[in-house]
Structure formats: C-alpha cells, structure tokens
Protein backbone atom coordinates (compact mmCIF):
# COMPACT_ATOMS: atom_id res chain seq x y z
CA MET A 1 -14.98 5.32 -16.92
CA ASP A 2 -16.50 7.65 -18.87
CA LYS A 3 -14.31 9.77 -21.89
CA ARG A 4 -14.56 12.87 -20.52
CA ARG A 5 -13.14 11.47 -17.01
CA LEU A 6 -10.77 9.72 -18.73
CA ALA A 7 -9.21 12.44 -20.75
CA LYS A 8 -8.96 14.61 -17.63
CA ILE A 9 -6.97 12.34 -16.08
CA GLU A 10 -4.94 12.18 -18.97
CA GLN A 11 -4.30 16.07 -18.98
CA MET A 12 -2.93 15.44 -15.46
CA PHE A 13 -0.72 13.49 -16.35
CA TYR A 14 2.13 15.48 -16.87
CA ILE A 15 2.25 16.07 -13.45
CA PHE A 16 3.27 12.09 -12.80
CA GLU A 17 6.18 12.83 -15.46
CA ARG A 18 7.87 14.89 -13.56
CA GLU A 19 7.40 12.90 -10.71
CA VAL A 20 9.35 9.78 -11.96
CA GLY A 21 11.11 11.73 -14.20
CA VAL A 22 14.90 12.03 -13.78
CA GLY A 23 16.71 15.40 -14.39
CA TYR A 24 13.32 17.82 -13.14
CA PRO A 25 14.53 20.07 -10.08
CA ALA A 26 13.18 18.85 -7.03
CA GLU A 27 10.99 21.96 -6.88
CA GLU A 28 8.64 20.61 -10.03
CA ARG A 29 8.39 17.08 -8.37
CA MET A 30 5.19 15.73 -6.08
CA ASP A 31 6.20 16.97 -2.46
CA ASP A 32 5.55 15.10 0.17
CA ARG A 33 2.40 16.67 0.98
CA ASP A 34 0.98 15.88 -1.97
CA ILE A 35 2.38 11.70 -1.59
CA GLU A 36 0.95 11.89 2.44
CA ALA A 37 -2.46 13.07 0.81
CA ILE A 38 -2.18 10.34 -1.36
CA ILE A 39 -1.39 7.63 0.89
CA GLU A 40 -4.21 8.99 3.57
CA ALA A 41 -6.63 8.58 0.83
CA LEU A 42 -5.98 4.71 -0.03
CA GLN A 43 -5.53 4.33 3.84
CA ARG A 44 -9.51 5.85 4.39
CA VAL A 45 -10.55 3.44 1.45
CA ARG A 46 -9.48 0.57 2.84
CA GLU A 47 -10.95 1.48 6.11
CA GLU A 48 -14.02 2.98 4.66
CA GLU A 49 -14.19 0.04 2.30
CA PHE A 50 -13.22 -2.94 4.67
CA LEU A 51 -10.11 -4.11 2.45
CA SER A 52 -7.24 -5.51 3.88
CA LEU A 53 -3.90 -4.48 1.97
CA ARG A 54 -4.36 -7.68 -0.72
CA GLY A 55 -7.79 -6.15 -1.40
CA LEU A 56 -6.80 -3.02 -1.95
CA ALA A 57 -3.31 -3.73 -3.78
CA LYS A 58 -5.61 -5.95 -6.15
CA ARG A 59 -8.01 -3.74 -7.05
CA LEU A 60 -5.03 -1.17 -7.80
CA GLY A 61 -3.47 -3.71 -9.77
CA PHE A 62 -0.22 -3.90 -7.65
CA SER A 63 1.35 -6.58 -5.10
CA PRO A 64 0.61 -6.07 -1.23
CA SER A 65 4.51 -5.59 -0.69
CA HIS A 66 4.80 -3.04 -3.30
CA LEU A 67 1.68 -1.42 -2.01
CA SER A 68 2.73 -2.15 1.83
CA MET A 69 6.26 -0.37 1.09
CA ILE A 70 4.05 2.94 -0.22
CA LEU A 71 1.77 3.12 2.88
CA ALA A 72 4.97 2.38 5.23
CA HIS A 73 7.09 5.67 3.16
CA LYS A 74 9.86 3.00 2.35
CA ARG A 75 8.99 3.65 -1.53
CA ARG A 76 7.70 6.57 -3.41
CA PRO A 77 4.83 6.29 -5.84
CA GLY A 78 5.58 6.13 -9.37
CA LYS A 79 3.86 6.82 -12.79
CA ARG A 80 2.17 3.51 -12.88
CA PHE A 81 0.75 3.31 -9.64
CA LEU A 82 -0.33 7.23 -9.47
CA TRP A 83 -2.11 6.47 -12.97
CA ALA A 84 -4.18 2.98 -11.58
CA ALA A 85 -4.85 4.78 -8.42
CA ALA A 86 -6.28 7.72 -10.21
CA GLN A 87 -8.54 5.45 -12.56
CA ARG A 88 -9.82 3.90 -9.58
CA VAL A 89 -10.43 5.90 -6.77
CA GLU A 90 -12.07 8.79 -6.84
CA GLU A 91 -10.39 10.94 -3.84
CA ILE A 92 -7.23 10.44 -5.60
CA ARG A 93 -8.78 11.91 -8.47
CA ARG A 94 -9.86 14.94 -6.96
CA LEU A 95 -6.48 15.21 -5.17
CA LEU A 96 -4.57 14.86 -8.59
CA ALA A 97 -7.12 17.33 -10.67
CA ALA A 98 -6.09 20.08 -7.40
CA ARG A 99 -2.78 19.15 -8.01
CA PHE A 100 -2.74 19.66 -11.59
CA GLU A 101 -4.93 22.59 -11.36
CA GLU A 102 -2.37 24.25 -9.34
CA THR A 103 0.19 24.13 -11.57
CA LYS A 104 -1.40 25.94 -14.39
CA ARG A 105 -1.48 28.98 -12.47
CA PRO A 106 0.93 31.03 -12.90
CA PRO A 107 3.59 32.27 -10.24
CA ARG A 108 2.77 34.54 -7.81
CA HIS A 109 5.58 37.98 -7.95
C-alpha cells in the first residue's frame, strides 16, 4: 500500500476512535447502517474471491469466531478490526472514506 493511501486511512481513523470511545454520545458513533455496509462488503468479498470464513479471517488477521460474530451481528466491529479491514479490503476503504467526508461537512441548519 502506498504512503498516500495509508495517510488517508490514518486521517479517517478518528471515526474509529469515536466508534469505540467511551463517553461519546450515540449520535457521534458509527450507526448501524455504516456497520451493515461494512458487513455486506465483507460478505461480497467472501463470495467474489471464493473465501471461506477461515480464509477471510486469516486475510484480516482475526480468528474465524471473531469474524463470525461480527458477520452475525452479535458483535460490533471495533477499532482494530476496522483498521485491518480498511488496510486489506478496497471496498471498506471506500466506505470509510465516504463516512469520513460526511463527518467533515458542516452541519445543515
């Protein structure tokens, strides 16, 4: 991964801080639609690349049981998981970049 792309991911990381941060109001966390989009992207990658649950988990650097709980909506993806997914899956990078751009916009009145 080139340095520019990695720098962009690092800029987006403040979103992840809010996602798992204690004390942040609920409206500042990633909402369920964002999480669902990430899960759907991971499932598409599995299908398109013919990966087993174990194969995708290995690619992301997590245990199959951890990934299974996220895909089954039994656990929300944490900062470390989102960081790993963003580094390894282009579609996740695009989703998170779009979320990052949304949070930079001034609020509408």
